[in-house]
């Protein structure tokens, strides 16, 4: 089990044991409205990360049509880049 997953499970177990202490307003039948503000920051996806899937199968196109904000440096939390290449580009000749 990944450390982040173990931490999540421990937090879930702790929340279950406390039986929802601190949620008195919801138990009294009152509605609670939460309106989070958009900070413009990327949300970190614990235990999963983010993946950028490039939109072309042609190696010479990689990077040629990217806007400045499409790069790995400019996307916080991006942990994986998936490049879909045809095998013929990786091994042009048999063997």
PDB file of N, CA and C in Angstrom:
ATOM      1  N   UNK A   1       0.859  -1.181   0.000  1.00  0.00           N
ATOM      2  CA  UNK A   1       0.000   0.000   0.000  1.00  0.00           C
ATOM      3  C   UNK A   1       0.896   1.232   0.000  1.00  0.00           C
ATOM      4  N   UNK A   2       0.579   2.197  -0.825  1.00  0.00           N
ATOM      5  CA  UNK A   2       1.358   3.431  -0.894  1.00  0.00           C
ATOM      6  C   UNK A   2       1.223   4.196   0.420  1.00  0.00           C
ATOM      7  N   UNK A   3       2.263   4.952   0.818  1.00  0.00           N
ATOM      8  CA  UNK A   3       2.187   5.727   2.057  1.00  0.00           C
ATOM      9  C   UNK A   3       1.015   6.700   2.083  1.00  0.00           C
ATOM     10  N   UNK A   4       0.718   7.322   0.951  1.00  0.00           N
ATOM     11  CA  UNK A   4      -0.395   8.279   0.910  1.00  0.00           C
ATOM     12  C   UNK A   4      -1.711   7.549   1.128  1.00  0.00           C
ATOM     13  N   UNK A   5      -1.842   6.361   0.538  1.00  0.00           N
ATOM     14  CA  UNK A   5      -3.062   5.574   0.711  1.00  0.00           C
ATOM     15  C   UNK A   5      -3.220   5.153   2.164  1.00  0.00           C
ATOM     16  N   UNK A   6      -2.122   4.763   2.805  1.00  0.00           N
ATOM     17  CA  UNK A   6      -2.177   4.372   4.210  1.00  0.00           C
ATOM     18  C   UNK A   6      -2.585   5.561   5.073  1.00  0.00           C
ATOM     19  N   UNK A   7      -2.056   6.734   4.762  1.00  0.00           N
ATOM     20  CA  UNK A   7      -2.415   7.941   5.501  1.00  0.00           C
ATOM     21  C   UNK A   7      -3.892   8.264   5.311  1.00  0.00           C
ATOM     22  N   UNK A   8      -4.384   8.134   4.083  1.00  0.00           N
ATOM     23  CA  UNK A   8      -5.800   8.379   3.804  1.00  0.00           C
ATOM     24  C   UNK A   8      -6.674   7.405   4.587  1.00  0.00           C
ATOM     25  N   UNK A   9      -6.301   6.140   4.594  1.00  0.00           N
ATOM     26  CA  UNK A   9      -7.087   5.132   5.317  1.00  0.00           C
ATOM     27  C   UNK A   9      -7.083   5.422   6.820  1.00  0.00           C
ATOM     28  N   UNK A  10      -5.946   5.870   7.357  1.00  0.00           N
ATOM     29  CA  UNK A  10      -5.875   6.206   8.777  1.00  0.00           C
ATOM     30  C   UNK A  10      -6.786   7.385   9.098  1.00  0.00           C
ATOM     31  N   UNK A  11      -6.802   8.385   8.220  1.00  0.00           N
ATOM     32  CA  UNK A  11      -7.676   9.543   8.431  1.00  0.00           C
ATOM     33  C   UNK A  11      -9.139   9.139   8.335  1.00  0.00           C
ATOM     34  N   UNK A  12      -9.464   8.265   7.399  1.00  0.00           N
ATOM     35  CA  UNK A  12     -10.835   7.785   7.257  1.00  0.00           C
ATOM     36  C   UNK A  12     -11.263   7.002   8.488  1.00  0.00           C
ATOM     37  N   UNK A  13     -10.379   6.175   8.998  1.00  0.00           N
ATOM     38  CA  UNK A  13     -10.674   5.411  10.210  1.00  0.00           C
ATOM     39  C   UNK A  13     -10.879   6.343  11.398  1.00  0.00           C
ATOM     40  N   UNK A  14     -10.036   7.365  11.526  1.00  0.00           N
ATOM     41  CA  UNK A  14     -10.178   8.324  12.628  1.00  0.00           C
ATOM     42  C   UNK A  14     -11.502   9.069  12.531  1.00  0.00           C
ATOM     43  N   UNK A  15     -11.901   9.435  11.323  1.00  0.00           N
ATOM     44  CA  UNK A  15     -13.177  10.132  11.143  1.00  0.00           C
ATOM     45  C   UNK A  15     -14.350   9.221  11.485  1.00  0.00           C
ATOM     46  N   UNK A  16     -14.226   7.945  11.170  1.00  0.00           N
ATOM     47  CA  UNK A  16     -15.290   6.989  11.476  1.00  0.00           C
ATOM     48  C   UNK A  16     -15.411   6.777  12.979  1.00  0.00           C
ATOM     49  N   UNK A  17     -14.277   6.714  13.658  1.00  0.00           N
ATOM     50  CA  UNK A  17     -14.286   6.480  15.106  1.00  0.00           C
ATOM     51  C   UNK A  17     -14.905   7.650  15.853  1.00  0.00           C
ATOM     52  N   UNK A  18     -14.678   8.874  15.390  1.00  0.00           N
ATOM     53  CA  UNK A  18     -15.217  10.042  16.093  1.00  0.00           C
ATOM     54  C   UNK A  18     -16.705  10.229  15.835  1.00  0.00           C
ATOM     55  N   UNK A  19     -17.279   9.457  14.928  1.00  0.00           N
ATOM     56  CA  UNK A  19     -18.717   9.491  14.631  1.00  0.00           C
ATOM     57  C   UNK A  19     -19.197  10.879  14.229  1.00  0.00           C
ATOM     58  N   UNK A  20     -18.393  11.604  13.484  1.00  0.00           N
ATOM     59  CA  UNK A  20     -18.837  12.884  12.945  1.00  0.00           C
ATOM     60  C   UNK A  20     -18.909  14.003  13.964  1.00  0.00           C
ATOM     61  N   UNK A  21     -18.080  13.971  15.003  1.00  0.00           N
ATOM     62  CA  UNK A  21     -18.072  15.079  15.958  1.00  0.00           C
ATOM     63  C   UNK A  21     -17.756  16.368  15.220  1.00  0.00           C
ATOM     64  N   UNK A  22     -18.425  17.431  15.571  1.00  0.00           N
ATOM     65  CA  UNK A  22     -18.210  18.713  14.921  1.00  0.00           C
ATOM     66  C   UNK A  22     -19.183  18.958  13.779  1.00  0.00           C
ATOM     67  N   UNK A  23     -20.097  18.034  13.537  1.00  0.00           N
ATOM     68  CA  UNK A  23     -21.080  18.206  12.476  1.00  0.00           C
ATOM     69  C   UNK A  23     -22.463  18.467  13.066  1.00  0.00           C
ATOM     70  N   UNK A  24     -22.515  19.173  14.206  1.00  0.00           N
ATOM     71  CA  UNK A  24     -23.780  19.405  14.897  1.00  0.00           C
ATOM     72  C   UNK A  24     -24.792  20.142  14.032  1.00  0.00           C
ATOM     73  N   UNK A  25     -24.352  21.096  13.228  1.00  0.00           N
ATOM     74  CA  UNK A  25     -25.311  21.853  12.426  1.00  0.00           C
ATOM     75  C   UNK A  25     -26.010  20.957  11.417  1.00  0.00           C
ATOM     76  N   UNK A  26     -25.304  19.994  10.877  1.00  0.00           N
ATOM     77  CA  UNK A  26     -25.935  19.093   9.920  1.00  0.00           C
ATOM     78  C   UNK A  26     -26.883  18.128  10.632  1.00  0.00           C
ATOM     79  N   UNK A  27     -26.552  17.725  11.853  1.00  0.00           N
ATOM     80  CA  UNK A  27     -27.412  16.811  12.592  1.00  0.00           C
ATOM     81  C   UNK A  27     -28.678  17.513  13.065  1.00  0.00           C
ATOM     82  N   UNK A  28     -28.644  18.829  13.219  1.00  0.00           N
ATOM     83  CA  UNK A  28     -29.818  19.585  13.645  1.00  0.00           C
ATOM     84  C   UNK A  28     -30.734  19.917  12.473  1.00  0.00           C
ATOM     85  N   UNK A  29     -30.409  19.454  11.281  1.00  0.00           N
ATOM     86  CA  UNK A  29     -31.252  19.683  10.123  1.00  0.00           C
ATOM     87  C   UNK A  29     -30.970  20.977   9.385  1.00  0.00           C
ATOM     88  N   UNK A  30     -29.950  21.717   9.786  1.00  0.00           N
ATOM     89  CA  UNK A  30     -29.615  22.957   9.095  1.00  0.00           C
ATOM     90  C   UNK A  30     -28.722  22.653   7.892  1.00  0.00           C
ATOM     91  N   UNK A  31     -28.911  23.405   6.839  1.00  0.00           N
ATOM     92  CA  UNK A  31     -28.053  23.262   5.666  1.00  0.00           C
ATOM     93  C   UNK A  31     -26.795  24.086   5.839  1.00  0.00           C
ATOM     94  N   UNK A  32     -25.692  23.550   5.393  1.00  0.00           N
ATOM     95  CA  UNK A  32     -24.421  24.260   5.417  1.00  0.00           C
ATOM     96  C   UNK A  32     -23.982  24.442   3.972  1.00  0.00           C
ATOM     97  N   UNK A  33     -23.772  25.682   3.559  1.00  0.00           N
ATOM     98  CA  UNK A  33     -23.335  25.978   2.202  1.00  0.00           C
ATOM     99  C   UNK A  33     -21.865  26.357   2.230  1.00  0.00           C
ATOM    100  N   UNK A  34     -21.081  25.670   1.434  1.00  0.00           N
ATOM    101  CA  UNK A  34     -19.650  25.942   1.344  1.00  0.00           C
ATOM    102  C   UNK A  34     -19.372  26.443  -0.063  1.00  0.00           C
ATOM    103  N   UNK A  35     -18.709  27.592  -0.163  1.00  0.00           N
ATOM    104  CA  UNK A  35     -18.365  28.177  -1.460  1.00  0.00           C
ATOM    105  C   UNK A  35     -16.857  28.408  -1.514  1.00  0.00           C
ATOM    106  N   UNK A  36     -16.100  27.384  -1.935  1.00  0.00           N
ATOM    107  CA  UNK A  36     -14.648  27.564  -2.003  1.00  0.00           C
ATOM    108  C   UNK A  36     -14.270  28.569  -3.084  1.00  0.00           C
ATOM    109  N   UNK A  37     -13.232  29.344  -2.811  1.00  0.00           N
ATOM    110  CA  UNK A  37     -12.752  30.323  -3.783  1.00  0.00           C
ATOM    111  C   UNK A  37     -11.796  29.652  -4.759  1.00  0.00           C
ATOM    112  N   UNK A  38     -11.833  30.079  -5.998  1.00  0.00           N
ATOM    113  CA  UNK A  38     -10.906  29.580  -7.006  1.00  0.00           C
ATOM    114  C   UNK A  38      -9.604  30.353  -6.875  1.00  0.00           C
ATOM    115  N   UNK A  39      -8.544  29.661  -6.491  1.00  0.00           N
ATOM    116  CA  UNK A  39      -7.243  30.309  -6.336  1.00  0.00           C
ATOM    117  C   UNK A  39      -6.423  30.247  -7.617  1.00  0.00           C
ATOM    118  N   UNK A  40      -6.895  29.479  -8.583  1.00  0.00           N
ATOM    119  CA  UNK A  40      -6.143  29.320  -9.816  1.00  0.00           C
ATOM    120  C   UNK A  40      -5.040  28.282  -9.721  1.00  0.00           C
ATOM    121  N   UNK A  41      -4.816  27.733  -8.533  1.00  0.00           N
ATOM    122  CA  UNK A  41      -3.773  26.728  -8.341  1.00  0.00           C
ATOM    123  C   UNK A  41      -4.312  25.343  -8.700  1.00  0.00           C
ATOM    124  N   UNK A  42      -3.435  24.500  -9.205  1.00  0.00           N
ATOM    125  CA  UNK A  42      -3.831  23.128  -9.528  1.00  0.00           C
ATOM    126  C   UNK A  42      -4.010  22.342  -8.238  1.00  0.00           C
ATOM    127  N   UNK A  43      -5.021  21.505  -8.207  1.00  0.00           N
ATOM    128  CA  UNK A  43      -5.226  20.636  -7.060  1.00  0.00           C
ATOM    129  C   UNK A  43      -4.285  19.447  -7.174  1.00  0.00           C
ATOM    130  N   UNK A  44      -3.642  19.109  -6.080  1.00  0.00           N
ATOM    131  CA  UNK A  44      -2.766  17.948  -6.063  1.00  0.00           C
ATOM    132  C   UNK A  44      -3.646  16.714  -5.927  1.00  0.00           C
ATOM    133  N   UNK A  45      -3.355  15.689  -6.672  1.00  0.00           N
ATOM    134  CA  UNK A  45      -4.141  14.464  -6.679  1.00  0.00           C
ATOM    135  C   UNK A  45      -3.349  13.390  -5.934  1.00  0.00           C
ATOM    136  N   UNK A  46      -3.519  13.265  -4.602  1.00  0.00           N
ATOM    137  CA  UNK A  46      -2.669  12.378  -3.800  1.00  0.00           C
ATOM    138  C   UNK A  46      -2.751  10.922  -4.243  1.00  0.00           C
ATOM    139  N   UNK A  47      -1.599  10.294  -4.338  1.00  0.00           N
ATOM    140  CA  UNK A  47      -1.538   8.886  -4.687  1.00  0.00           C
ATOM    141  C   UNK A  47      -1.765   8.606  -6.161  1.00  0.00           C
ATOM    142  N   UNK A  48      -2.164   9.617  -6.928  1.00  0.00           N
ATOM    143  CA  UNK A  48      -2.464   9.418  -8.344  1.00  0.00           C
ATOM    144  C   UNK A  48      -1.612  10.339  -9.215  1.00  0.00           C
ATOM    145  N   UNK A  49      -1.510  11.592  -8.847  1.00  0.00           N
ATOM    146  CA  UNK A  49      -0.785  12.559  -9.662  1.00  0.00           C
ATOM    147  C   UNK A  49      -1.615  13.007 -10.845  1.00  0.00           C
ATOM    148  N   UNK A  50      -0.987  13.704 -11.753  1.00  0.00           N
ATOM    149  CA  UNK A  50      -1.627  14.166 -12.979  1.00  0.00           C
ATOM    150  C   UNK A  50      -0.873  13.575 -14.152  1.00  0.00           C
ATOM    151  N   UNK A  51      -1.548  13.368 -15.245  1.00  0.00           N
ATOM    152  CA  UNK A  51      -0.925  12.850 -16.458  1.00  0.00           C
ATOM    153  C   UNK A  51      -1.248  13.777 -17.615  1.00  0.00           C
ATOM    154  N   UNK A  52      -0.234  14.116 -18.377  1.00  0.00           N
ATOM    155  CA  UNK A  52      -0.456  14.902 -19.591  1.00  0.00           C
ATOM    156  C   UNK A  52      -0.399  13.942 -20.768  1.00  0.00           C
ATOM    157  N   UNK A  53      -1.458  13.869 -21.527  1.00  0.00           N
ATOM    158  CA  UNK A  53      -1.494  13.021 -22.719  1.00  0.00           C
ATOM    159  C   UNK A  53      -1.320  13.917 -23.931  1.00  0.00           C
ATOM    160  N   UNK A  54      -0.234  13.705 -24.643  1.00  0.00           N
ATOM    161  CA  UNK A  54       0.015  14.534 -25.820  1.00  0.00           C
ATOM    162  C   UNK A  54      -0.927  14.124 -26.937  1.00  0.00           C
ATOM    163  N   UNK A  55      -1.288  15.048 -27.790  1.00  0.00           N
ATOM    164  CA  UNK A  55      -2.346  14.868 -28.766  1.00  0.00           C
ATOM    165  C   UNK A  55      -1.885  14.447 -30.151  1.00  0.00           C
ATOM    166  N   UNK A  56      -0.699  13.901 -30.295  1.00  0.00           N
ATOM    167  CA  UNK A  56      -0.217  13.523 -31.622  1.00  0.00           C
ATOM    168  C   UNK A  56       0.593  12.235 -31.543  1.00  0.00           C
ATOM    169  N   UNK A  57       0.533  11.430 -32.587  1.00  0.00           N
ATOM    170  CA  UNK A  57       1.358  10.222 -32.681  1.00  0.00           C
ATOM    171  C   UNK A  57       2.650  10.466 -33.455  1.00  0.00           C
ATOM    172  N   UNK A  58       2.864  11.675 -33.922  1.00  0.00           N
ATOM    173  CA  UNK A  58       4.031  11.982 -34.750  1.00  0.00           C
ATOM    174  C   UNK A  58       5.101  12.637 -33.877  1.00  0.00           C
ATOM    175  N   UNK A  59       6.271  11.983 -33.715  1.00  0.00           N
ATOM    176  CA  UNK A  59       7.304  12.522 -32.815  1.00  0.00           C
ATOM    177  C   UNK A  59       7.742  13.941 -33.144  1.00  0.00           C
ATOM    178  N   UNK A  60       7.806  14.311 -34.432  1.00  0.00           N
ATOM    179  CA  UNK A  60       8.268  15.665 -34.763  1.00  0.00           C
ATOM    180  C   UNK A  60       7.270  16.738 -34.314  1.00  0.00           C
ATOM    181  N   UNK A  61       6.049  16.355 -34.009  1.00  0.00           N
ATOM    182  CA  UNK A  61       5.060  17.320 -33.527  1.00  0.00           C
ATOM    183  C   UNK A  61       5.183  17.603 -32.030  1.00  0.00           C
ATOM    184  N   UNK A  62       5.891  16.751 -31.305  1.00  0.00           N
ATOM    185  CA  UNK A  62       5.998  16.952 -29.863  1.00  0.00           C
ATOM    186  C   UNK A  62       6.668  18.282 -29.572  1.00  0.00           C
ATOM    187  N   UNK A  63       5.980  19.137 -28.875  1.00  0.00           N
ATOM    188  CA  UNK A  63       6.505  20.439 -28.506  1.00  0.00           C
ATOM    189  C   UNK A  63       6.293  21.519 -29.548  1.00  0.00           C
ATOM    190  N   UNK A  64       5.959  21.156 -30.783  1.00  0.00           N
ATOM    191  CA  UNK A  64       5.851  22.163 -31.833  1.00  0.00           C
ATOM    192  C   UNK A  64       4.569  22.981 -31.736  1.00  0.00           C
ATOM    193  N   UNK A  65       3.531  22.443 -31.121  1.00  0.00           N
ATOM    194  CA  UNK A  65       2.250  23.140 -31.067  1.00  0.00           C
ATOM    195  C   UNK A  65       1.818  23.430 -29.633  1.00  0.00           C
ATOM    196  N   UNK A  66       2.758  23.377 -28.715  1.00  0.00           N
ATOM    197  CA  UNK A  66       2.413  23.606 -27.317  1.00  0.00           C
ATOM    198  C   UNK A  66       2.360  25.091 -27.004  1.00  0.00           C
ATOM    199  N   UNK A  67       1.326  25.470 -26.277  1.00  0.00           N
ATOM    200  CA  UNK A  67       1.263  26.832 -25.751  1.00  0.00           C
ATOM    201  C   UNK A  67       2.185  26.900 -24.530  1.00  0.00           C
ATOM    202  N   UNK A  68       2.597  28.091 -24.101  1.00  0.00           N
ATOM    203  CA  UNK A  68       3.521  28.201 -22.969  1.00  0.00           C
ATOM    204  C   UNK A  68       3.031  27.500 -21.703  1.00  0.00           C
ATOM    205  N   UNK A  69       1.719  27.451 -21.483  1.00  0.00           N
ATOM    206  CA  UNK A  69       1.205  26.843 -20.259  1.00  0.00           C
ATOM    207  C   UNK A  69       1.073  25.323 -20.373  1.00  0.00           C
ATOM    208  N   UNK A  70       1.424  24.736 -21.509  1.00  0.00           N
ATOM    209  CA  UNK A  70       1.312  23.292 -21.708  1.00  0.00           C
ATOM    210  C   UNK A  70       2.563  22.528 -21.296  1.00  0.00           C
ATOM    211  N   UNK A  71       3.541  23.184 -20.734  1.00  0.00           N
ATOM    212  CA  UNK A  71       4.782  22.496 -20.407  1.00  0.00           C
ATOM    213  C   UNK A  71       4.754  21.937 -18.996  1.00  0.00           C
ATOM    214  N   UNK A  72       5.606  20.952 -18.762  1.00  0.00           N
ATOM    215  CA  UNK A  72       5.685  20.295 -17.457  1.00  0.00           C
ATOM    216  C   UNK A  72       6.040  21.280 -16.350  1.00  0.00           C
ATOM    217  N   UNK A  73       6.925  22.232 -16.634  1.00  0.00           N
ATOM    218  CA  UNK A  73       7.342  23.196 -15.617  1.00  0.00           C
ATOM    219  C   UNK A  73       6.180  24.069 -15.142  1.00  0.00           C
ATOM    220  N   UNK A  74       5.215  24.315 -16.011  1.00  0.00           N
ATOM    221  CA  UNK A  74       4.146  25.250 -15.694  1.00  0.00           C
ATOM    222  C   UNK A  74       2.854  24.593 -15.215  1.00  0.00           C
ATOM    223  N   UNK A  75       2.865  23.296 -14.907  1.00  0.00           N
ATOM    224  CA  UNK A  75       1.659  22.631 -14.412  1.00  0.00           C
ATOM    225  C   UNK A  75       1.979  21.977 -13.080  1.00  0.00           C
ATOM    226  N   UNK A  76       1.696  22.651 -11.957  1.00  0.00           N
ATOM    227  CA  UNK A  76       2.027  22.106 -10.638  1.00  0.00           C
ATOM    228  C   UNK A  76       1.327  20.771 -10.401  1.00  0.00           C
ATOM    229  N   UNK A  77       2.059  19.833  -9.856  1.00  0.00           N
ATOM    230  CA  UNK A  77       1.478  18.546  -9.524  1.00  0.00           C
ATOM    231  C   UNK A  77       1.554  17.525 -10.636  1.00  0.00           C
ATOM    232  N   UNK A  78       1.998  17.922 -11.839  1.00  0.00           N
ATOM    233  CA  UNK A  78       2.100  16.968 -12.942  1.00  0.00           C
ATOM    234  C   UNK A  78       3.239  16.009 -12.650  1.00  0.00           C
ATOM    235  N   UNK A  79       2.936  14.725 -12.628  1.00  0.00           N
ATOM    236  CA  UNK A  79       3.945  13.747 -12.250  1.00  0.00           C
ATOM    237  C   UNK A  79       4.268  12.759 -13.366  1.00  0.00           C
ATOM    238  N   UNK A  80       3.465  12.709 -14.413  1.00  0.00           N
ATOM    239  CA  UNK A  80       3.657  11.732 -15.477  1.00  0.00           C
ATOM    240  C   UNK A  80       3.368  12.380 -16.823  1.00  0.00           C
ATOM    241  N   UNK A  81       4.179  12.065 -17.804  1.00  0.00           N
ATOM    242  CA  UNK A  81       3.899  12.485 -19.175  1.00  0.00           C
ATOM    243  C   UNK A  81       3.767  11.223 -20.009  1.00  0.00           C
ATOM    244  N   UNK A  82       2.661  11.092 -20.715  1.00  0.00           N
ATOM    245  CA  UNK A  82       2.385   9.915 -21.538  1.00  0.00           C
ATOM    246  C   UNK A  82       2.588  10.289 -22.995  1.00  0.00           C
ATOM    247  N   UNK A  83       3.565   9.668 -23.641  1.00  0.00           N
ATOM    248  CA  UNK A  83       3.827   9.909 -25.056  1.00  0.00           C
ATOM    249  C   UNK A  83       3.420   8.659 -25.826  1.00  0.00           C
ATOM    250  N   UNK A  84       2.488   8.795 -26.728  1.00  0.00           N
ATOM    251  CA  UNK A  84       1.990   7.654 -27.502  1.00  0.00           C
ATOM    252  C   UNK A  84       2.729   7.621 -28.836  1.00  0.00           C
ATOM    253  N   UNK A  85       3.741   6.766 -28.920  1.00  0.00           N
ATOM    254  CA  UNK A  85       4.565   6.671 -30.122  1.00  0.00           C
ATOM    255  C   UNK A  85       4.348   5.334 -30.815  1.00  0.00           C
ATOM    256  N   UNK A  86       4.289   5.331 -32.144  1.00  0.00           N
ATOM    257  CA  UNK A  86       4.250   4.061 -32.867  1.00  0.00           C
ATOM    258  C   UNK A  86       5.574   3.313 -32.677  1.00  0.00           C
ATOM    259  N   UNK A  87       5.517   2.003 -32.563  1.00  0.00           N
ATOM    260  CA  UNK A  87       6.716   1.200 -32.337  1.00  0.00           C
ATOM    261  C   UNK A  87       7.725   1.393 -33.472  1.00  0.00           C
ATOM    262  N   UNK A  88       7.259   1.649 -34.687  1.00  0.00           N
ATOM    263  CA  UNK A  88       8.157   1.827 -35.830  1.00  0.00           C
ATOM    264  C   UNK A  88       9.109   3.008 -35.638  1.00  0.00           C
ATOM    265  N   UNK A  89       8.732   3.988 -34.853  1.00  0.00           N
ATOM    266  CA  UNK A  89       9.627   5.113 -34.572  1.00  0.00           C
ATOM    267  C   UNK A  89      10.708   4.722 -33.574  1.00  0.00           C
ATOM    268  N   UNK A  90      10.393   3.806 -32.685  1.00  0.00           N
ATOM    269  CA  UNK A  90      11.359   3.380 -31.679  1.00  0.00           C
ATOM    270  C   UNK A  90      12.311   2.320 -32.221  1.00  0.00           C
ATOM    271  N   UNK A  91      11.799   1.463 -33.128  1.00  0.00           N
ATOM    272  CA  UNK A  91      12.621   0.425 -33.745  1.00  0.00           C
ATOM    273  C   UNK A  91      12.353   0.444 -35.254  1.00  0.00           C
ATOM    274  N   UNK A  92      13.059   1.321 -36.006  1.00  0.00           N
ATOM    275  CA  UNK A  92      12.789   1.465 -37.439  1.00  0.00           C
ATOM    276  C   UNK A  92      13.095   0.198 -38.243  1.00  0.00           C
ATOM    277  N   UNK A  93      14.058  -0.597 -37.751  1.00  0.00           N
ATOM    278  CA  UNK A  93      14.405  -1.851 -38.425  1.00  0.00           C
ATOM    279  C   UNK A  93      14.271  -2.992 -37.437  1.00  0.00           C
ATOM    280  N   UNK A  94      13.922  -4.150 -37.939  1.00  0.00           N
ATOM    281  CA  UNK A  94      13.801  -5.337 -37.094  1.00  0.00           C
ATOM    282  C   UNK A  94      15.137  -5.620 -36.413  1.00  0.00           C
ATOM    283  N   UNK A  95      15.094  -5.864 -35.103  1.00  0.00           N
ATOM    284  CA  UNK A  95      16.294  -6.236 -34.347  1.00  0.00           C
ATOM    285  C   UNK A  95      16.996  -5.046 -33.846  1.00  0.00           C
TER     286      UNK A  95
END
